[in-house]
Amino acid sequence: MAIFELPISTKVQRVIPKNAFDQYTNSKQKKLFTDLISRIVWTHKLSTETTNLPSKEIEEIQVFKIELKTKEDIQIPLDIINKSIPYPIIFIVKFGEEMFISTSTKHPHPLNQDNSIIDWTFKSNWLKIEENKYILNLKGTLDAVYKDICIQLSGKPEFKTKSLTKIVVYQQEVDKLEKDILKLSSEITRTKQFNKKVELNTVLNNKIKILEDLKESI
């Protein structure tokens, strides 16, 4: 079953050896590729030549299918593949009759042109393959196609009025605030001193208010 209904002109269908990423891995990470991944297939390439869509900042979008040996956390291998390839990659991760979709925005490493730095990862939950609701809308520009799938995976259609850069910054800020709130809540629970609890609660409430305001700003 095809996950995305894409033109034949975009089809690549090339198996990528797992050891193609050895230069980017340590021994522990290399073992993850071996233990978790059955096969990596570069299924499609979306570019101006293959889609007739113009490009602004994004020149190409790659679609990779990752077939798993076991249903475990695959984020480390996905990050390694992402960092080693300069173009946006949409991953279709499959195990049996289940799948999830993931993609990460990134920018070039300032000191190493062969590596990218991941800014934010958008991904779906695991779902049955036949229940897939995500589509690649080949409309407008390649940049618009990529932004659209990121918005779909975020589950926040209200992002449509924002640039992808602003969406990523927003997600990063929300994530940091949520982690700070969780950390403060744990610290308050552990603290015995009343004055210290009051002080921490003040900081916590301030963080909660900032988070609420931020979410209302979208």
Foldseek 3Di string as FASTA:
>chain_A
DDLEPDDPLFFDFAWDDLCVLVVLDDPVLSVCCVQWFDTKTFTGKDACVSQVFAADPAGIETEMETETPDPDDPVSVVQSVVFQDQHWYWYWYDYDQKTKIKIFDWAADPVDNRTIGTLDMFMADIDGSVPRPQYQDSDHHPLVSVLVNSCVSNVHPVCPVDHPVVVSVLVVLLVVLVVVLVVLVVVLVPDDDPVVNVVSVVVNVVSVVVNVVSVVVD
